[in-house]
Amino acid sequence: MRTRKSSFSSLRWIFEVSGRFARIDRAGRSAVTTLLATLGICFGVMTLIVVLSVMNGFQQTSVSPIMEISSYHLRAVPDELVSVPDLIDFCAQDKQISAVVPFYESEALIAGRSGRQTAALIRALPADVRSMDSGFARETHILYGDFDLSSNDTIVLGVELARTLGVMVGDPVSLVALSGGSDVSLISSNRTFTVSGVFECSYLDINTSFAFVSVQAAEKYFGSSARALYGIKLDNPTDDIAAAGRIQAEFPTCAVQSWREYNRSFFGTLRIEKNILMLLVCIIFIVVGINIYNGMRRLVLERSSDISILSALGGTRAEIRFIFIMRGFTSGFVGALWGAFLGILISVNIHSIFIAASYVMYGVQYLITLIFSPENAVFLSRNTMYDIYAEIPARIVLKEVLMIVLFGIVSPLWASWKASGNVLKMSVAEVLHDE
């Protein structure tokens, strides 16, 4: 019991002295070093959370449509030695696989009734694909008409592809040129479809180049050499390597391609950008830690006489050192928590903040123009680029937020621990002599 009371008393005076050192400097003035260190950690954590959240949202709007519409999580290409029913049954029994979608692909030159032409990727899908594949249904938003592939002569276009061709629901389009085998006519005017729907996703390239037809239309127009591919969806897309290994172990001659390989250069670029941002996290907190280290070293020198007096009154070296470590921990903990709160708050309301920023910038520009060139004020308008920025969703990843907060706490804690290593350099006799 005596030991517990002694330990509590020791901690209490350490906290009191550490708090006094943080509030008042040697000359009795208010100490701003602690406030600046806390603000530095706060704004660093806040900025990094907002930047990473916006970056995650931007990546999600690009990666998710590619994985759910274009590449699938896995692509299986069975050869003559693979029994397709066995492959489908095997995937159905795998608890990690949520859907298997057969499809065909071909490249075409597509023309609208006004004569406008453009290249497109024609993908043939089952008529009930949206009920089979929830991820596909989630990413393909129907703007006009219906996603109707029940007929051999219906087609669903991406919104930018439909705009380029100048067609709407009910208009005819023709596959003027179509890639395929030797039994497929390269140029033909008989491959005419009726637009049954127009879809939109968050990835521009898909909106610009994708068109969907029925599997029956592929069997009719793509030629006898067209091979069916099988798009496989997983409950967790990151389990693609393990799932591909299980399929290839069961069907060794079946080629299985992961979403990581399908757009390797694009996904690689996004990964490099993310790694650079994470490197910036480390660099920023290293700089903050160095600044805190220098400030703490200066504080230790300024408080050398106080340190010697505390030692003369019975304070151990560890207890005195803990005074400065507690100061660094408090600065980092308070700054990191406030930074995390502000960063999450800004990320959640990023849309409103961008819109508000556009009006503020417009107001400042309008006021300056009225003062210096009032005749040109009528030509000013709000910058609509902020509206585009506002549409980028912020995606907060808890693991990244915790990592940033941890860096925000550890960097000043480490700096304080290193800087307080040289306490008790002045003896009590030297202090009394100076006084």
Foldseek 3Di string as FASTA:
>chain_A
DVVVVVVVVLVVVLQVVLVCVQQAAPVGHGDCLLVVLLQLLQQLLLVLQQVVQLLVLVVCLALLCCCQPNCPQKKKFDDPVDDPVVLVVVLVPDPFWQAKWKKFWKKFWKAFPVGQTDIAIEMATAQCVCVRRVSNVVFWAWDDADSGQPDLAEKEAQQQQCVRRVDDAFTKMARQAIDADPPADRGDRPNIHGYRTYIYGSHVVCSRHYMYHHPVNCPVHRDPPTGMMMRIHGPDSVCSVVVVVVSCVVVVRMDMDGPCPVPVVVVVVSVVVSVVSVVVLVVSLLVSLVVLLVVLLVRLVSCQLVLQVVVVVPDDLVSSLVSLLVSLLVSLLSSLVSSLVSSVVCQQVVLVVLVVVQVVVQVVVLVVCCVPPVVCSVVGDGDCVSNVSSPRHGHRDPVVSVVSSVSSNVSSSVSSNVSSPPHPPDHNVNSVVVD
